[in-house]
C-alpha atoms as a PDB file:
ATOM      1  CA  MET A   1      29.906  14.412  77.196  1.00  0.00           C
ATOM      2  CA  ASP A   2      31.101  17.756  77.028  1.00  0.00           C
ATOM      3  CA  TYR A   3      27.501  19.833  77.258  1.00  0.00           C
ATOM      4  CA  LEU A   4      26.295  17.815  80.088  1.00  0.00           C
ATOM      5  CA  LEU A   5      29.639  18.833  81.977  1.00  0.00           C
ATOM      6  CA  TYR A   6      29.093  22.513  81.067  1.00  0.00           C
ATOM      7  CA  LEU A   7      25.456  22.255  81.951  1.00  0.00           C
ATOM      8  CA  SER A   8      26.143  20.483  85.276  1.00  0.00           C
ATOM      9  CA  LEU A   9      28.679  23.876  85.605  1.00  0.00           C
ATOM     10  CA  ALA A  10      25.692  26.621  84.578  1.00  0.00           C
ATOM     11  CA  ILE A  11      23.188  25.339  86.974  1.00  0.00           C
ATOM     12  CA  PHE A  12      26.156  25.245  90.163  1.00  0.00           C
ATOM     13  CA  GLY A  13      26.936  29.111  88.394  1.00  0.00           C
ATOM     14  CA  LEU A  14      23.227  29.881  89.441  1.00  0.00           C
ATOM     15  CA  ILE A  15      23.408  28.465  92.685  1.00  0.00           C
ATOM     16  CA  PHE A  16      26.725  30.085  93.779  1.00  0.00           C
ATOM     17  CA  GLY A  17      24.966  33.680  92.060  1.00  0.00           C
ATOM     18  CA  SER A  18      22.350  32.745  94.749  1.00  0.00           C
ATOM     19  CA  PHE A  19      25.169  32.803  97.689  1.00  0.00           C
ATOM     20  CA  LEU A  20      26.564  36.305  95.547  1.00  0.00           C
ATOM     21  CA  ASN A  21      23.478  38.171  95.435  1.00  0.00           C
ATOM     22  CA  VAL A  22      23.744  37.706  99.681  1.00  0.00           C
ATOM     23  CA  VAL A  23      26.907  38.126  99.831  1.00  0.00           C
ATOM     24  CA  THR A  24      27.268  41.646  97.752  1.00  0.00           C
ATOM     25  CA  ILE A  25      23.386  43.304  98.858  1.00  0.00           C
ATOM     26  CA  ARG A  26      24.543  42.571 102.741  1.00  0.00           C
ATOM     27  CA  TYR A  27      27.847  43.596 102.654  1.00  0.00           C
ATOM     28  CA  ASN A  28      28.641  46.475 105.098  1.00  0.00           C
ATOM     29  CA  PRO A  29      31.408  48.456 104.146  1.00  0.00           C
ATOM     30  CA  ASP A  30      32.387  49.103 107.557  1.00  0.00           C
ATOM     31  CA  LYS A  31      32.430  45.656 108.667  1.00  0.00           C
ATOM     32  CA  GLY A  32      33.853  43.566 105.268  1.00  0.00           C
ATOM     33  CA  PHE A  33      33.581  40.457 105.280  1.00  0.00           C
ATOM     34  CA  SER A  34      34.954  39.535 108.516  1.00  0.00           C
ATOM     35  CA  ASN A  35      31.340  39.813 110.217  1.00  0.00           C
ATOM     36  CA  ILE A  36      30.056  36.180 108.668  1.00  0.00           C
ATOM     37  CA  LYS A  37      26.928  37.393 111.025  1.00  0.00           C
ATOM     38  CA  SER A  38      26.227  40.227 107.830  1.00  0.00           C
ATOM     39  CA  ILE A  39      25.726  37.303 105.249  1.00  0.00           C
ATOM     40  CA  GLY A  40      23.743  34.867 107.454  1.00  0.00           C
ATOM     41  CA  GLY A  41      20.210  34.562 108.357  1.00  0.00           C
ATOM     42  CA  ARG A  42      16.961  33.199 106.411  1.00  0.00           C
ATOM     43  CA  SER A  43      16.335  35.226 103.408  1.00  0.00           C
ATOM     44  CA  HIS A  44      13.996  37.826 103.228  1.00  0.00           C
ATOM     45  CA  CYS A  45      11.962  40.598 101.288  1.00  0.00           C
ATOM     46  CA  PRO A  46      13.646  43.754 102.534  1.00  0.00           C
ATOM     47  CA  ASN A  47      10.572  45.461 101.938  1.00  0.00           C
ATOM     48  CA  CYS A  48       7.679  43.800 104.299  1.00  0.00           C
ATOM     49  CA  ARG A  49      10.618  41.422 106.168  1.00  0.00           C
ATOM     50  CA  ASN A  50       8.480  38.286 106.102  1.00  0.00           C
ATOM     51  CA  GLN A  51      11.317  35.398 105.444  1.00  0.00           C
ATOM     52  CA  LEU A  52      11.173  33.395 101.529  1.00  0.00           C
ATOM     53  CA  ALA A  53       9.895  29.884 101.741  1.00  0.00           C
ATOM     54  CA  TRP A  54      12.325  27.842  99.699  1.00  0.00           C
ATOM     55  CA  TYR A  55      10.459  28.256  96.556  1.00  0.00           C
ATOM     56  CA  GLU A  56      10.577  31.790  96.546  1.00  0.00           C
ATOM     57  CA  LEU A  57      14.782  31.400  95.787  1.00  0.00           C
ATOM     58  CA  VAL A  58      15.057  29.016  93.299  1.00  0.00           C
ATOM     59  CA  PRO A  59      17.385  31.444  91.010  1.00  0.00           C
ATOM     60  CA  VAL A  60      15.842  32.677  87.936  1.00  0.00           C
ATOM     61  CA  LEU A  61      13.152  30.436  87.660  1.00  0.00           C
ATOM     62  CA  SER A  62      11.224  32.315  91.444  1.00  0.00           C
ATOM     63  CA  PHE A  63      12.015  35.670  89.423  1.00  0.00           C
ATOM     64  CA  LEU A  64      10.139  34.905  86.924  1.00  0.00           C
ATOM     65  CA  SER A  65       7.391  33.465  88.519  1.00  0.00           C
ATOM     66  CA  LEU A  66       6.689  35.713  91.055  1.00  0.00           C
ATOM     67  CA  ARG A  67       7.121  38.169  87.953  1.00  0.00           C
ATOM     68  CA  GLY A  68       9.364  39.850  90.170  1.00  0.00           C
ATOM     69  CA  ARG A  69       7.452  41.007  93.363  1.00  0.00           C
ATOM     70  CA  CYS A  70       7.528  39.935  96.465  1.00  0.00           C
ATOM     71  CA  ARG A  71       4.472  37.196  97.009  1.00  0.00           C
ATOM     72  CA  HIS A  72       3.419  39.024  99.781  1.00  0.00           C
ATOM     73  CA  CYS A  73       3.666  42.466  99.448  1.00  0.00           C
ATOM     74  CA  GLY A  74       4.232  42.895  95.731  1.00  0.00           C
ATOM     75  CA  HIS A  75       7.102  45.236  96.620  1.00  0.00           C
ATOM     76  CA  ALA A  76       9.380  44.983  92.983  1.00  0.00           C
ATOM     77  CA  ILE A  77      12.759  42.516  93.680  1.00  0.00           C
ATOM     78  CA  SER A  78      15.507  43.944  92.473  1.00  0.00           C
ATOM     79  CA  LEU A  79      16.830  42.793  88.884  1.00  0.00           C
ATOM     80  CA  GLN A  80      20.052  42.707  90.576  1.00  0.00           C
ATOM     81  CA  TYR A  81      18.772  38.774  91.798  1.00  0.00           C
ATOM     82  CA  PRO A  82      18.503  36.811  88.398  1.00  0.00           C
ATOM     83  CA  PHE A  83      21.086  38.883  86.746  1.00  0.00           C
ATOM     84  CA  VAL A  84      23.946  37.450  89.373  1.00  0.00           C
ATOM     85  CA  GLU A  85      22.606  34.647  88.759  1.00  0.00           C
ATOM     86  CA  LEU A  86      22.453  34.502  84.636  1.00  0.00           C
ATOM     87  CA  LEU A  87      26.311  36.006  84.788  1.00  0.00           C
ATOM     88  CA  THR A  88      27.038  33.443  87.562  1.00  0.00           C
ATOM     89  CA  ALA A  89      26.184  30.684  85.649  1.00  0.00           C
ATOM     90  CA  LEU A  90      28.010  32.354  82.301  1.00  0.00           C
ATOM     91  CA  ILE A  91      31.337  32.620  84.244  1.00  0.00           C
ATOM     92  CA  PHE A  92      31.084  29.748  85.081  1.00  0.00           C
ATOM     93  CA  VAL A  93      30.816  28.100  81.753  1.00  0.00           C
ATOM     94  CA  VAL A  94      32.438  30.702  79.488  1.00  0.00           C
ATOM     95  CA  VAL A  95      35.805  31.252  81.833  1.00  0.00           C
ATOM     96  CA  PRO A  96      36.390  27.234  80.663  1.00  0.00           C
ATOM     97  CA  MET A  97      36.008  27.005  77.719  1.00  0.00           C
ATOM     98  CA  GLN A  98      38.424  29.925  76.621  1.00  0.00           C
ATOM     99  CA  VAL A  99      40.714  28.672  79.182  1.00  0.00           C
ATOM    100  CA  ILE A 100      40.903  26.051  77.196  1.00  0.00           C
ATOM    101  CA  LEU A 101      40.541  26.873  73.668  1.00  0.00           C
ATOM    102  CA  SER A 102      43.557  28.804  74.894  1.00  0.00           C
ATOM    103  CA  SER A 103      45.472  25.890  75.834  1.00  0.00           C
ATOM    104  CA  ARG A 104      44.666  24.064  72.175  1.00  0.00           C
ATOM    105  CA  ILE A 105      45.756  26.970  70.700  1.00  0.00           C
ATOM    106  CA  LEU A 106      49.239  27.526  72.997  1.00  0.00           C
ATOM    107  CA  VAL A 107      50.290  24.500  73.867  1.00  0.00           C
ATOM    108  CA  LEU A 108      52.776  22.398  71.789  1.00  0.00           C
ATOM    109  CA  VAL A 109      52.556  18.989  72.750  1.00  0.00           C
ATOM    110  CA  ASP A 110      49.483  16.985  73.560  1.00  0.00           C
ATOM    111  CA  VAL A 111      47.025  18.840  75.833  1.00  0.00           C
ATOM    112  CA  ASN A 112      45.614  15.316  77.545  1.00  0.00           C
ATOM    113  CA  ALA A 113      49.268  15.543  79.147  1.00  0.00           C
ATOM    114  CA  HIS A 114      48.349  18.899  80.820  1.00  0.00           C
ATOM    115  CA  ILE A 115      45.022  18.412  81.569  1.00  0.00           C
ATOM    116  CA  GLY A 116      45.622  18.555  85.373  1.00  0.00           C
ATOM    117  CA  GLY A 117      47.300  21.902  84.758  1.00  0.00           C
ATOM    118  CA  ILE A 118      44.662  23.005  82.189  1.00  0.00           C
ATOM    119  CA  ILE A 119      41.641  22.243  84.828  1.00  0.00           C
ATOM    120  CA  ALA A 120      43.537  24.073  87.673  1.00  0.00           C
ATOM    121  CA  LEU A 121      43.368  27.596  85.297  1.00  0.00           C
ATOM    122  CA  ALA A 122      40.132  27.136  84.489  1.00  0.00           C
ATOM    123  CA  ALA A 123      39.323  26.568  88.296  1.00  0.00           C
ATOM    124  CA  LEU A 124      41.451  30.032  88.758  1.00  0.00           C
ATOM    125  CA  TRP A 125      40.737  31.991  86.485  1.00  0.00           C
ATOM    126  CA  THR A 126      36.888  31.133  87.121  1.00  0.00           C
ATOM    127  CA  VAL A 127      37.475  32.177  90.637  1.00  0.00           C
ATOM    128  CA  ALA A 128      39.250  35.361  89.593  1.00  0.00           C
ATOM    129  CA  PHE A 129      36.313  36.470  87.879  1.00  0.00           C
ATOM    130  CA  VAL A 130      33.343  35.672  90.748  1.00  0.00           C
ATOM    131  CA  LEU A 131      35.643  37.806  92.998  1.00  0.00           C
ATOM    132  CA  PHE A 132      35.615  40.700  89.520  1.00  0.00           C
ATOM    133  CA  LEU A 133      32.267  39.789  90.028  1.00  0.00           C
ATOM    134  CA  VAL A 134      31.664  40.663  93.878  1.00  0.00           C
ATOM    135  CA  LEU A 135      34.279  43.589  92.937  1.00  0.00           C
ATOM    136  CA  ALA A 136      32.202  45.127  90.842  1.00  0.00           C
ATOM    137  CA  ILE A 137      28.884  45.313  92.402  1.00  0.00           C
ATOM    138  CA  ILE A 138      30.035  46.456  95.948  1.00  0.00           C
ATOM    139  CA  ASP A 139      31.978  49.065  94.245  1.00  0.00           C
ATOM    140  CA  PHE A 140      29.389  50.359  92.465  1.00  0.00           C
ATOM    141  CA  LYS A 141      27.259  50.497  95.241  1.00  0.00           C
ATOM    142  CA  HIS A 142      29.687  51.279  97.522  1.00  0.00           C
ATOM    143  CA  MET A 143      32.453  53.385  96.142  1.00  0.00           C
ATOM    144  CA  ILE A 144      35.058  50.720  98.285  1.00  0.00           C
ATOM    145  CA  ILE A 145      37.040  48.061  97.138  1.00  0.00           C
ATOM    146  CA  PRO A 146      37.451  45.949  99.513  1.00  0.00           C
ATOM    147  CA  ASP A 147      41.007  44.999 100.335  1.00  0.00           C
ATOM    148  CA  SER A 148      40.141  41.411 100.877  1.00  0.00           C
ATOM    149  CA  ILE A 149      39.475  41.339  97.414  1.00  0.00           C
ATOM    150  CA  ASN A 150      42.626  43.159  95.787  1.00  0.00           C
ATOM    151  CA  VAL A 151      44.974  40.217  97.884  1.00  0.00           C
ATOM    152  CA  SER A 152      43.050  37.527  96.696  1.00  0.00           C
ATOM    153  CA  LEU A 153      43.379  38.388  93.297  1.00  0.00           C
ATOM    154  CA  ALA A 154      47.287  39.041  93.645  1.00  0.00           C
ATOM    155  CA  VAL A 155      47.513  35.631  95.755  1.00  0.00           C
ATOM    156  CA  LEU A 156      45.181  34.014  92.455  1.00  0.00           C
ATOM    157  CA  GLY A 157      47.651  35.923  90.197  1.00  0.00           C
ATOM    158  CA  ILE A 158      50.781  34.440  91.274  1.00  0.00           C
ATOM    159  CA  ALA A 159      49.077  30.853  90.935  1.00  0.00           C
ATOM    160  CA  ILE A 160      48.347  31.009  87.729  1.00  0.00           C
ATOM    161  CA  ALA A 161      51.796  32.754  86.912  1.00  0.00           C
ATOM    162  CA  GLY A 162      52.527  28.861  88.299  1.00  0.00           C
ATOM    163  CA  VAL A 163      50.562  26.850  86.940  1.00  0.00           C
ATOM    164  CA  THR A 164      50.791  28.768  83.564  1.00  0.00           C
ATOM    165  CA  GLN A 165      54.880  28.126  83.499  1.00  0.00           C
ATOM    166  CA  TRP A 166      53.882  24.714  84.211  1.00  0.00           C
ATOM    167  CA  VAL A 167      51.329  23.760  80.780  1.00  0.00           C
ATOM    168  CA  HIS A 168      52.632  26.553  78.965  1.00  0.00           C
ATOM    169  CA  GLY A 169      56.429  27.100  79.521  1.00  0.00           C
ATOM    170  CA  PHE A 170      57.698  30.572  79.068  1.00  0.00           C
ATOM    171  CA  GLY A 171      58.275  30.426  75.712  1.00  0.00           C
ATOM    172  CA  ALA A 172      54.592  30.084  74.783  1.00  0.00           C
ATOM    173  CA  PHE A 173      54.135  33.764  75.618  1.00  0.00           C
ATOM    174  CA  GLN A 174      53.312  33.312  79.205  1.00  0.00           C
ATOM    175  CA  GLY A 175      50.235  31.723  78.365  1.00  0.00           C
ATOM    176  CA  SER A 176      49.097  35.961  76.997  1.00  0.00           C
ATOM    177  CA  PHE A 177      46.082  36.318  75.603  1.00  0.00           C
ATOM    178  CA  LEU A 178      47.782  38.511  72.892  1.00  0.00           C
ATOM    179  CA  ARG A 179      49.497  35.331  71.510  1.00  0.00           C
ATOM    180  CA  HIS A 180      52.002  36.356  69.455  1.00  0.00           C
ATOM    181  CA  TYR A 181      51.933  39.769  69.739  1.00  0.00           C
ATOM    182  CA  ALA A 182      53.098  40.270  72.553  1.00  0.00           C
ATOM    183  CA  VAL A 183      56.488  39.711  71.559  1.00  0.00           C
ATOM    184  CA  ILE A 184      55.982  42.894  69.944  1.00  0.00           C
ATOM    185  CA  PHE A 185      56.231  44.374  73.660  1.00  0.00           C
ATOM    186  CA  GLY A 186      59.161  42.523  74.971  1.00  0.00           C
ATOM    187  CA  PHE A 187      59.416  40.100  77.867  1.00  0.00           C
ATOM    188  CA  ARG A 188      60.837  39.984  81.128  1.00  0.00           C
ATOM    189  CA  ASP A 189      63.447  37.456  81.986  1.00  0.00           C
ATOM    190  CA  THR A 190      61.176  34.552  83.770  1.00  0.00           C
ATOM    191  CA  ILE A 191      57.735  34.620  83.855  1.00  0.00           C
ATOM    192  CA  TRP A 192      57.856  35.744  87.692  1.00  0.00           C
ATOM    193  CA  MET A 193      59.360  38.649  86.342  1.00  0.00           C
ATOM    194  CA  ASN A 194      57.575  39.474  83.681  1.00  0.00           C
ATOM    195  CA  HIS A 195      54.289  39.326  86.121  1.00  0.00           C
ATOM    196  CA  LEU A 196      56.062  41.493  88.851  1.00  0.00           C
ATOM    197  CA  PHE A 197      56.732  44.116  85.985  1.00  0.00           C
ATOM    198  CA  ALA A 198      53.009  43.726  85.290  1.00  0.00           C
ATOM    199  CA  ALA A 199      52.474  44.653  88.821  1.00  0.00           C
ATOM    200  CA  ILE A 200      54.888  47.425  89.365  1.00  0.00           C
ATOM    201  CA  ILE A 201      53.392  49.098  86.416  1.00  0.00           C
ATOM    202  CA  GLY A 202      50.568  49.249  87.708  1.00  0.00           C
ATOM    203  CA  LEU A 203      51.152  50.526  90.685  1.00  0.00           C
ATOM    204  CA  LEU A 204      53.052  53.159  89.288  1.00  0.00           C
ATOM    205  CA  PHE A 205      51.064  54.198  86.907  1.00  0.00           C
ATOM    206  CA  PHE A 206      47.919  54.366  89.081  1.00  0.00           C
ATOM    207  CA  GLY A 207      50.163  55.797  92.130  1.00  0.00           C
ATOM    208  CA  GLY A 208      50.641  58.463  89.541  1.00  0.00           C
ATOM    209  CA  ILE A 209      47.499  59.113  88.383  1.00  0.00           C
ATOM    210  CA  ILE A 210      46.491  59.765  92.356  1.00  0.00           C
ATOM    211  CA  ALA A 211      49.603  61.682  93.299  1.00  0.00           C
ATOM    212  CA  VAL A 212      48.526  64.374  90.386  1.00  0.00           C
ATOM    213  CA  SER A 213      44.917  64.655  91.434  1.00  0.00           C
ATOM    214  CA  ARG A 214      45.737  64.039  94.991  1.00  0.00           C
ATOM    215  CA  GLY A 215      42.958  61.732  95.215  1.00  0.00           C
ATOM    216  CA  ARG A 216      40.025  63.103  93.298  1.00  0.00           C
ATOM    217  CA  ALA A 217      41.082  60.963  90.230  1.00  0.00           C
ATOM    218  CA  MET A 218      41.384  57.351  91.586  1.00  0.00           C
ATOM    219  CA  GLY A 219      41.129  56.186  95.025  1.00  0.00           C
ATOM    220  CA  TRP A 220      43.617  53.553  96.995  1.00  0.00           C
ATOM    221  CA  GLY A 221      41.485  50.454  96.191  1.00  0.00           C
ATOM    222  CA  ASP A 222      41.890  51.349  92.913  1.00  0.00           C
ATOM    223  CA  LEU A 223      45.768  51.297  92.553  1.00  0.00           C
ATOM    224  CA  LYS A 224      45.397  48.047  94.299  1.00  0.00           C
ATOM    225  CA  LEU A 225      43.264  46.302  92.122  1.00  0.00           C
ATOM    226  CA  ALA A 226      45.563  47.950  89.459  1.00  0.00           C
ATOM    227  CA  GLY A 227      48.521  45.191  91.503  1.00  0.00           C
ATOM    228  CA  ALA A 228      46.472  42.694  92.006  1.00  0.00           C
ATOM    229  CA  LEU A 229      45.636  42.843  87.731  1.00  0.00           C
ATOM    230  CA  GLY A 230      49.248  43.368  87.402  1.00  0.00           C
ATOM    231  CA  LEU A 231      49.591  40.135  88.759  1.00  0.00           C
ATOM    232  CA  LEU A 232      47.194  38.161  87.071  1.00  0.00           C
ATOM    233  CA  PHE A 233      47.457  38.899  83.549  1.00  0.00           C
ATOM    234  CA  GLY A 234      51.347  39.782  83.494  1.00  0.00           C
ATOM    235  CA  TRP A 235      52.499  42.230  80.346  1.00  0.00           C
ATOM    236  CA  PRO A 236      52.011  42.847  78.446  1.00  0.00           C
ATOM    237  CA  ASP A 237      48.323  42.001  78.713  1.00  0.00           C
ATOM    238  CA  VAL A 238      48.015  44.375  81.445  1.00  0.00           C
ATOM    239  CA  VAL A 239      48.290  47.463  79.762  1.00  0.00           C
ATOM    240  CA  LEU A 240      44.992  46.658  77.196  1.00  0.00           C
ATOM    241  CA  VAL A 241      43.670  46.546  80.514  1.00  0.00           C
ATOM    242  CA  PHE A 242      44.209  49.425  81.541  1.00  0.00           C
ATOM    243  CA  ALA A 243      43.694  51.565  78.302  1.00  0.00           C
ATOM    244  CA  PHE A 244      40.638  49.321  77.927  1.00  0.00           C
ATOM    245  CA  SER A 245      38.988  50.514  81.039  1.00  0.00           C
ATOM    246  CA  PHE A 246      39.783  54.115  80.793  1.00  0.00           C
ATOM    247  CA  ILE A 247      38.106  54.380  77.450  1.00  0.00           C
ATOM    248  CA  ILE A 248      34.874  52.764  78.793  1.00  0.00           C
ATOM    249  CA  GLY A 249      35.151  54.604  81.260  1.00  0.00           C
ATOM    250  CA  SER A 250      35.619  57.553  79.291  1.00  0.00           C
ATOM    251  CA  ILE A 251      32.796  57.202  77.306  1.00  0.00           C
ATOM    252  CA  ILE A 252      29.921  56.038  79.846  1.00  0.00           C
ATOM    253  CA  SER A 253      31.240  59.065  81.992  1.00  0.00           C
ATOM    254  CA  ILE A 254      31.146  61.260  79.233  1.00  0.00           C
ATOM    255  CA  GLY A 255      26.958  59.952  78.599  1.00  0.00           C
ATOM    256  CA  LEU A 256      26.130  59.667  81.956  1.00  0.00           C
ATOM    257  CA  MET A 257      27.427  64.059  81.991  1.00  0.00           C
ATOM    258  CA  MET A 258      25.107  64.407  78.793  1.00  0.00           C
ATOM    259  CA  ARG A 259      21.997  62.893  80.158  1.00  0.00           C
ATOM    260  CA  GLY A 260      23.317  65.094  83.265  1.00  0.00           C
ATOM    261  CA  ARG A 261      22.942  62.355  85.784  1.00  0.00           C
ATOM    262  CA  LYS A 262      26.919  63.060  86.339  1.00  0.00           C
ATOM    263  CA  HIS A 263      28.805  65.911  86.932  1.00  0.00           C
ATOM    264  CA  MET A 264      32.253  67.028  86.023  1.00  0.00           C
ATOM    265  CA  LYS A 265      33.269  66.551  89.663  1.00  0.00           C
ATOM    266  CA  ASP A 266      31.011  63.561  90.486  1.00  0.00           C
ATOM    267  CA  ALA A 267      33.310  60.517  91.731  1.00  0.00           C
ATOM    268  CA  VAL A 268      32.329  57.857  89.467  1.00  0.00           C
ATOM    269  CA  PRO A 269      33.019  53.756  90.676  1.00  0.00           C
ATOM    270  CA  PHE A 270      36.148  52.726  88.553  1.00  0.00           C
ATOM    271  CA  GLY A 271      37.131  49.440  90.037  1.00  0.00           C
ATOM    272  CA  PRO A 272      33.940  48.164  87.454  1.00  0.00           C
ATOM    273  CA  PHE A 273      35.553  49.634  84.002  1.00  0.00           C
ATOM    274  CA  LEU A 274      38.991  47.359  85.038  1.00  0.00           C
ATOM    275  CA  VAL A 275      36.691  44.519  85.551  1.00  0.00           C
ATOM    276  CA  ILE A 276      35.668  45.292  82.471  1.00  0.00           C
ATOM    277  CA  GLY A 277      38.367  45.775  80.785  1.00  0.00           C
ATOM    278  CA  ALA A 278      39.879  43.099  81.920  1.00  0.00           C
ATOM    279  CA  VAL A 279      37.523  40.907  80.875  1.00  0.00           C
ATOM    280  CA  MET A 280      37.971  42.018  77.049  1.00  0.00           C
ATOM    281  CA  VAL A 281      41.387  41.116  77.454  1.00  0.00           C
ATOM    282  CA  PHE A 282      40.541  37.548  78.535  1.00  0.00           C
ATOM    283  CA  PHE A 283      37.744  37.213  75.987  1.00  0.00           C
ATOM    284  CA  PHE A 284      38.864  39.262  72.361  1.00  0.00           C
ATOM    285  CA  GLY A 285      42.372  40.595  73.331  1.00  0.00           C
ATOM    286  CA  PHE A 286      43.909  38.397  70.919  1.00  0.00           C
ATOM    287  CA  GLN A 287      41.608  39.367  68.438  1.00  0.00           C
ATOM    288  CA  LEU A 288      41.551  43.076  69.148  1.00  0.00           C
ATOM    289  CA  VAL A 289      44.964  43.342  68.686  1.00  0.00           C
ATOM    290  CA  SER A 290      44.685  41.210  65.541  1.00  0.00           C
ATOM    291  CA  LEU A 291      42.186  43.858  64.657  1.00  0.00           C
ATOM    292  CA  TYR A 292      44.095  46.564  64.851  1.00  0.00           C
ATOM    293  CA  PHE A 293      47.314  45.867  63.667  1.00  0.00           C
ATOM    294  CA  GLY A 294      45.084  44.597  60.845  1.00  0.00           C
ATOM    295  CA  MET A 295      44.583  48.319  59.758  1.00  0.00           C
ATOM    296  CA  PHE A 296      49.059  48.527  59.391  1.00  0.00           C
ATOM    297  CA  ASP A 297      49.671  45.182  57.690  1.00  0.00           C
ATOM    298  CA  VAL A 298      51.033  43.730  60.586  1.00  0.00           C
ATOM    299  CA  ILE A 299      49.781  40.006  61.381  1.00  0.00           C
END
């Protein structure tokens, strides 16, 4: 049954989310992910350094049973732990659901005949979203986007383009999350040119911002991420990813300045906003574009 499958994915997501907490909390910007010892070792309280027993490491449930405090010293446990665990579980459930839903809409033949490709797409996009989560946390905490994550996302983009062509074919809007509205923006000759074109547009656009602002408005990590997102989403989806990220980034930045938590010259990590833009296009791209064009009676 489907619900048993998704329940299993949710449980696995909770467990994997616990691992992601270890990776992101112990991440060292100077050493990156190359030093395995940086994420190794027994889990312990960051305040009193006491090692945690197995029953203190059960995702979400341990946090709730301990009421958010260390059993040994009573120090507050970061909300990141249950938040990341729950978010990872959500990723493992809703991302495959969205891929399957999109495939049922776009595939013009029996879905069962393409089940292998659809499962591959679901797995690839799930990995991409896990990387999005890790990227957003690290950029938020350290103001840096690891090159290894950008390279991994770019490789995933190439793989997704290949599997998408196998499942959907180039004629089915290249698997665009905008569906038939993607035609309005035009296509490249092949799905590979489509995704490559999107990557080049992202690199040129963010490169222009870096050049004009002399590196003050955007970082090199953001530039590389823009290119990787182009390979992932293709044209024209990546345009909406950038648009949503700038809109949301502006709203949040203005809100922080109004509350006095940020000033005009303060740096704000842009990676999390790009991730939010990507999430919006993946799940709601078609609905948002449909709502916009509906205002002008364009179906």
